[in-house]
Amino acid sequence: MKTLWNIFIGLFILVTVLGLGFWLRYLWIVQYGFFAPMQKNVERKVFENTQSYIEWKRQELNKYRLEYITTKDEEVKNAIKMTILQSFSNFDKTKLDYELRIFLNSLYN
């Protein structure tokens, strides 16, 4: 009888530990699902405010501007314009140089 009781207690402890493990894993998943998007948004905002990202966008717009000015074909100009408008739709335009900001605003109008 004592052996049966020890087996029962052992199985109970095993089931309790496994259940606790599953429960903690579930709580971690719920917590991750709640906090991970917020963390990614903060990481994205930090990245978009880095000097290297701003410099890359400035150089990209400068390259597109040169291509836009030098091309004679209206279809190519329109394609470059659409590319610029899509690429810079979410970019903070106040971080650009004055000339590039004027160029970008002229494309929007």
N, C-alpha and C. Protein backbone atom coordinates (compact mmCIF):
# COMPACT_ATOMS: atom_id res chain seq x y z
N MET A 1 0.81 -1.19 0.00
CA MET A 1 0.00 0.00 0.00
C MET A 1 0.85 1.26 0.00
N LYS A 2 1.97 1.19 0.75
CA LYS A 2 2.85 2.34 0.81
C LYS A 2 3.48 2.59 -0.55
N THR A 3 3.82 1.56 -1.30
CA THR A 3 4.41 1.71 -2.64
C THR A 3 3.41 2.35 -3.59
N LEU A 4 2.19 1.95 -3.52
CA LEU A 4 1.15 2.53 -4.37
C LEU A 4 0.97 4.02 -4.06
N TRP A 5 1.03 4.32 -2.76
CA TRP A 5 0.89 5.72 -2.35
C TRP A 5 2.07 6.55 -2.86
N ASN A 6 3.27 6.04 -2.82
CA ASN A 6 4.46 6.74 -3.33
C ASN A 6 4.36 6.94 -4.85
N ILE A 7 3.87 5.96 -5.57
CA ILE A 7 3.70 6.08 -7.02
C ILE A 7 2.67 7.17 -7.32
N PHE A 8 1.58 7.17 -6.57
CA PHE A 8 0.54 8.18 -6.77
C PHE A 8 1.09 9.59 -6.52
N ILE A 9 1.84 9.77 -5.44
CA ILE A 9 2.42 11.08 -5.13
C ILE A 9 3.44 11.47 -6.21
N GLY A 10 4.22 10.52 -6.68
CA GLY A 10 5.19 10.81 -7.75
C GLY A 10 4.50 11.25 -9.03
N LEU A 11 3.44 10.54 -9.41
CA LEU A 11 2.68 10.92 -10.60
C LEU A 11 2.02 12.28 -10.43
N PHE A 12 1.51 12.55 -9.24
CA PHE A 12 0.88 13.84 -8.96
C PHE A 12 1.91 14.98 -9.09
N ILE A 13 3.10 14.77 -8.56
CA ILE A 13 4.15 15.79 -8.65
C ILE A 13 4.56 15.98 -10.11
N LEU A 14 4.68 14.89 -10.86
CA LEU A 14 5.05 14.98 -12.27
C LEU A 14 4.00 15.75 -13.07
N VAL A 15 2.73 15.42 -12.87
CA VAL A 15 1.65 16.11 -13.57
C VAL A 15 1.60 17.58 -13.17
N THR A 16 1.82 17.87 -11.90
CA THR A 16 1.81 19.25 -11.41
C THR A 16 2.95 20.06 -12.04
N VAL A 17 4.14 19.49 -12.09
CA VAL A 17 5.29 20.19 -12.68
C VAL A 17 5.06 20.41 -14.18
N LEU A 18 4.58 19.40 -14.89
CA LEU A 18 4.30 19.57 -16.32
C LEU A 18 3.20 20.61 -16.55
N GLY A 19 2.15 20.55 -15.74
CA GLY A 19 1.07 21.52 -15.87
C GLY A 19 1.56 22.94 -15.59
N LEU A 20 2.40 23.09 -14.58
CA LEU A 20 2.96 24.40 -14.26
C LEU A 20 3.84 24.90 -15.40
N GLY A 21 4.60 23.99 -16.00
CA GLY A 21 5.43 24.36 -17.15
C GLY A 21 4.60 24.84 -18.32
N PHE A 22 3.50 24.12 -18.62
CA PHE A 22 2.62 24.54 -19.71
C PHE A 22 1.96 25.88 -19.40
N TRP A 23 1.55 26.05 -18.15
CA TRP A 23 0.89 27.29 -17.76
C TRP A 23 1.85 28.48 -17.86
N LEU A 24 3.08 28.31 -17.41
CA LEU A 24 4.06 29.39 -17.51
C LEU A 24 4.39 29.70 -18.97
N ARG A 25 4.46 28.69 -19.79
CA ARG A 25 4.71 28.90 -21.22
C ARG A 25 3.56 29.67 -21.86
N TYR A 26 2.33 29.33 -21.47
CA TYR A 26 1.16 30.04 -21.99
C TYR A 26 1.19 31.50 -21.55
N LEU A 27 1.52 31.75 -20.30
CA LEU A 27 1.60 33.13 -19.82
C LEU A 27 2.69 33.91 -20.56
N TRP A 28 3.82 33.26 -20.86
CA TRP A 28 4.89 33.92 -21.60
C TRP A 28 4.42 34.28 -23.02
N ILE A 29 3.68 33.38 -23.66
CA ILE A 29 3.18 33.64 -25.01
C ILE A 29 2.20 34.82 -24.99
N VAL A 30 1.33 34.86 -24.01
CA VAL A 30 0.39 35.97 -23.90
C VAL A 30 1.13 37.28 -23.67
N GLN A 31 2.11 37.25 -22.78
CA GLN A 31 2.90 38.45 -22.50
C GLN A 31 3.67 38.88 -23.74
N TYR A 32 4.27 37.95 -24.44
CA TYR A 32 5.03 38.27 -25.65
C TYR A 32 4.11 38.85 -26.72
N GLY A 33 2.94 38.28 -26.86
CA GLY A 33 1.99 38.79 -27.85
C GLY A 33 1.53 40.20 -27.54
N PHE A 34 1.55 40.57 -26.27
CA PHE A 34 1.13 41.92 -25.88
C PHE A 34 2.27 42.92 -26.01
N PHE A 35 3.47 42.56 -25.55
CA PHE A 35 4.57 43.51 -25.49
C PHE A 35 5.46 43.54 -26.73
N ALA A 36 5.53 42.45 -27.48
CA ALA A 36 6.44 42.40 -28.64
C ALA A 36 6.11 43.44 -29.70
N PRO A 37 4.84 43.66 -30.08
CA PRO A 37 4.59 44.71 -31.08
C PRO A 37 5.01 46.10 -30.61
N MET A 38 4.81 46.38 -29.34
CA MET A 38 5.23 47.68 -28.82
C MET A 38 6.75 47.82 -28.87
N GLN A 39 7.45 46.75 -28.54
CA GLN A 39 8.91 46.78 -28.57
C GLN A 39 9.40 46.97 -30.00
N LYS A 40 8.79 46.30 -30.96
CA LYS A 40 9.20 46.44 -32.36
C LYS A 40 8.93 47.85 -32.87
N ASN A 41 7.81 48.45 -32.45
CA ASN A 41 7.53 49.82 -32.86
C ASN A 41 8.57 50.79 -32.32
N VAL A 42 8.99 50.60 -31.09
CA VAL A 42 10.02 51.46 -30.51
C VAL A 42 11.34 51.26 -31.24
N GLU A 43 11.69 50.01 -31.52
CA GLU A 43 12.93 49.74 -32.26
C GLU A 43 12.90 50.38 -33.64
N ARG A 44 11.75 50.35 -34.29
CA ARG A 44 11.61 50.95 -35.62
C ARG A 44 11.78 52.48 -35.55
N LYS A 45 11.17 53.11 -34.54
CA LYS A 45 11.31 54.55 -34.39
C LYS A 45 12.75 54.94 -34.10
N VAL A 46 13.42 54.18 -33.28
CA VAL A 46 14.84 54.45 -33.00
C VAL A 46 15.66 54.32 -34.27
N PHE A 47 15.39 53.27 -35.06
CA PHE A 47 16.13 53.08 -36.32
C PHE A 47 15.88 54.23 -37.28
N GLU A 48 14.63 54.69 -37.38
CA GLU A 48 14.32 55.76 -38.31
C GLU A 48 14.91 57.10 -37.89
N ASN A 49 15.33 57.22 -36.67
CA ASN A 49 15.96 58.45 -36.20
C ASN A 49 17.48 58.37 -36.16
N THR A 50 18.05 57.28 -36.62
CA THR A 50 19.50 57.18 -36.64
C THR A 50 20.07 58.00 -37.80
N GLN A 51 21.27 58.47 -37.63
CA GLN A 51 21.91 59.30 -38.65
C GLN A 51 22.16 58.52 -39.93
N SER A 52 22.48 57.25 -39.81
CA SER A 52 22.76 56.47 -41.01
C SER A 52 21.50 56.29 -41.87
N TYR A 53 20.34 56.08 -41.23
CA TYR A 53 19.10 55.94 -41.99
C TYR A 53 18.74 57.25 -42.68
N ILE A 54 18.85 58.34 -41.97
CA ILE A 54 18.53 59.65 -42.55
C ILE A 54 19.47 59.97 -43.70
N GLU A 55 20.75 59.68 -43.52
CA GLU A 55 21.73 59.94 -44.59
C GLU A 55 21.45 59.06 -45.80
N TRP A 56 21.08 57.80 -45.57
CA TRP A 56 20.75 56.91 -46.69
C TRP A 56 19.55 57.43 -47.46
N LYS A 57 18.50 57.88 -46.77
CA LYS A 57 17.32 58.40 -47.45
C LYS A 57 17.66 59.70 -48.20
N ARG A 58 18.51 60.52 -47.63
CA ARG A 58 18.92 61.75 -48.30
C ARG A 58 19.68 61.45 -49.57
N GLN A 59 20.60 60.50 -49.51
CA GLN A 59 21.36 60.13 -50.70
C GLN A 59 20.46 59.48 -51.75
N GLU A 60 19.51 58.68 -51.31
CA GLU A 60 18.58 58.05 -52.24
C GLU A 60 17.76 59.11 -52.97
N LEU A 61 17.26 60.09 -52.24
CA LEU A 61 16.47 61.15 -52.86
C LEU A 61 17.33 62.00 -53.79
N ASN A 62 18.56 62.23 -53.40
CA ASN A 62 19.48 62.99 -54.25
C ASN A 62 19.72 62.27 -55.58
N LYS A 63 19.89 60.95 -55.52
CA LYS A 63 20.09 60.14 -56.73
C LYS A 63 18.85 60.18 -57.61
N TYR A 64 17.67 60.00 -57.01
CA TYR A 64 16.43 60.06 -57.77
C TYR A 64 16.21 61.45 -58.37
N ARG A 65 16.57 62.46 -57.64
CA ARG A 65 16.41 63.84 -58.12
C ARG A 65 17.27 64.06 -59.36
N LEU A 66 18.50 63.60 -59.32
CA LEU A 66 19.40 63.74 -60.47
C LEU A 66 18.84 62.98 -61.67
N GLU A 67 18.36 61.77 -61.45
CA GLU A 67 17.76 61.00 -62.54
C GLU A 67 16.52 61.70 -63.08
N TYR A 68 15.71 62.26 -62.20
CA TYR A 68 14.48 62.92 -62.61
C TYR A 68 14.78 64.17 -63.45
N ILE A 69 15.78 64.90 -63.03
CA ILE A 69 16.12 66.14 -63.75
C ILE A 69 16.77 65.85 -65.10
N THR A 70 17.62 64.83 -65.18
CA THR A 70 18.37 64.58 -66.41
C THR A 70 17.59 63.81 -67.47
N THR A 71 16.55 63.11 -67.09
CA THR A 71 15.83 62.32 -68.08
C THR A 71 14.89 63.20 -68.91
N LYS A 72 14.71 62.81 -70.16
CA LYS A 72 13.84 63.55 -71.08
C LYS A 72 12.51 62.83 -71.29
N ASP A 73 12.50 61.53 -71.10
CA ASP A 73 11.32 60.71 -71.34
C ASP A 73 10.29 60.92 -70.23
N GLU A 74 9.07 61.25 -70.60
CA GLU A 74 8.01 61.52 -69.61
C GLU A 74 7.59 60.26 -68.86
N GLU A 75 7.61 59.12 -69.51
CA GLU A 75 7.26 57.87 -68.83
C GLU A 75 8.26 57.53 -67.74
N VAL A 76 9.53 57.73 -68.05
CA VAL A 76 10.58 57.47 -67.06
C VAL A 76 10.46 58.46 -65.91
N LYS A 77 10.18 59.72 -66.23
CA LYS A 77 10.01 60.73 -65.19
C LYS A 77 8.85 60.36 -64.27
N ASN A 78 7.77 59.90 -64.87
CA ASN A 78 6.62 59.52 -64.06
C ASN A 78 6.93 58.30 -63.18
N ALA A 79 7.69 57.36 -63.72
CA ALA A 79 8.08 56.18 -62.93
C ALA A 79 8.99 56.58 -61.77
N ILE A 80 9.92 57.48 -62.02
CA ILE A 80 10.80 57.95 -60.95
C ILE A 80 9.99 58.69 -59.89
N LYS A 81 9.05 59.51 -60.35
CA LYS A 81 8.20 60.26 -59.42
C LYS A 81 7.40 59.31 -58.53
N MET A 82 6.81 58.28 -59.11
CA MET A 82 6.03 57.32 -58.31
C MET A 82 6.93 56.57 -57.32
N THR A 83 8.14 56.23 -57.75
CA THR A 83 9.08 55.56 -56.86
C THR A 83 9.43 56.45 -55.68
N ILE A 84 9.68 57.72 -55.96
CA ILE A 84 10.02 58.67 -54.89
C ILE A 84 8.85 58.82 -53.93
N LEU A 85 7.66 59.00 -54.48
CA LEU A 85 6.50 59.22 -53.62
C LEU A 85 6.22 58.01 -52.73
N GLN A 86 6.43 56.80 -53.25
CA GLN A 86 6.24 55.60 -52.43
C GLN A 86 7.34 55.46 -51.39
N SER A 87 8.56 55.73 -51.79
CA SER A 87 9.70 55.53 -50.90
C SER A 87 9.71 56.54 -49.75
N PHE A 88 9.20 57.73 -50.00
CA PHE A 88 9.28 58.79 -48.99
C PHE A 88 7.92 59.12 -48.38
N SER A 89 6.95 58.25 -48.52
CA SER A 89 5.62 58.55 -47.99
C SER A 89 5.61 58.60 -46.46
N ASN A 90 6.41 57.78 -45.80
CA ASN A 90 6.43 57.75 -44.33
C ASN A 90 7.68 58.39 -43.75
N PHE A 91 8.44 59.05 -44.56
CA PHE A 91 9.69 59.65 -44.09
C PHE A 91 9.42 61.07 -43.59
N ASP A 92 10.07 61.44 -42.51
CA ASP A 92 9.94 62.79 -41.95
C ASP A 92 10.71 63.77 -42.83
N LYS A 93 9.99 64.56 -43.59
CA LYS A 93 10.61 65.44 -44.58
C LYS A 93 11.39 66.59 -43.95
N THR A 94 11.15 66.88 -42.69
CA THR A 94 11.89 67.96 -42.03
C THR A 94 13.35 67.60 -41.80
N LYS A 95 13.69 66.34 -41.96
CA LYS A 95 15.08 65.90 -41.76
C LYS A 95 15.91 66.03 -43.03
N LEU A 96 15.29 66.48 -44.12
CA LEU A 96 15.99 66.63 -45.39
C LEU A 96 16.56 68.05 -45.52
N ASP A 97 17.52 68.18 -46.43
CA ASP A 97 18.04 69.50 -46.77
C ASP A 97 16.93 70.33 -47.40
N TYR A 98 17.13 71.64 -47.42
CA TYR A 98 16.11 72.54 -47.95
C TYR A 98 15.80 72.26 -49.42
N GLU A 99 16.84 72.07 -50.23
CA GLU A 99 16.64 71.82 -51.66
C GLU A 99 15.87 70.52 -51.90
N LEU A 100 16.24 69.49 -51.18
CA LEU A 100 15.56 68.20 -51.35
C LEU A 100 14.12 68.28 -50.86
N ARG A 101 13.88 69.03 -49.81
CA ARG A 101 12.52 69.20 -49.31
C ARG A 101 11.66 69.93 -50.34
N ILE A 102 12.23 70.96 -50.97
CA ILE A 102 11.50 71.70 -52.01
C ILE A 102 11.19 70.77 -53.18
N PHE A 103 12.18 69.97 -53.59
CA PHE A 103 11.97 69.03 -54.70
C PHE A 103 10.87 68.03 -54.36
N LEU A 104 10.91 67.48 -53.16
CA LEU A 104 9.92 66.49 -52.75
C LEU A 104 8.52 67.12 -52.69
N ASN A 105 8.43 68.32 -52.15
CA ASN A 105 7.14 68.99 -52.10
C ASN A 105 6.61 69.31 -53.49
N SER A 106 7.51 69.61 -54.44
CA SER A 106 7.06 69.90 -55.79
C SER A 106 6.48 68.64 -56.46
N LEU A 107 6.98 67.47 -56.08
CA LEU A 107 6.44 66.23 -56.63
C LEU A 107 5.05 65.94 -56.07
N TYR A 108 4.82 66.30 -54.83
CA TYR A 108 3.50 66.08 -54.23
C TYR A 108 2.45 66.99 -54.84
N ASN A 109 2.86 68.16 -55.30
CA ASN A 109 1.91 69.12 -55.89
C ASN A 109 1.83 68.96 -57.34
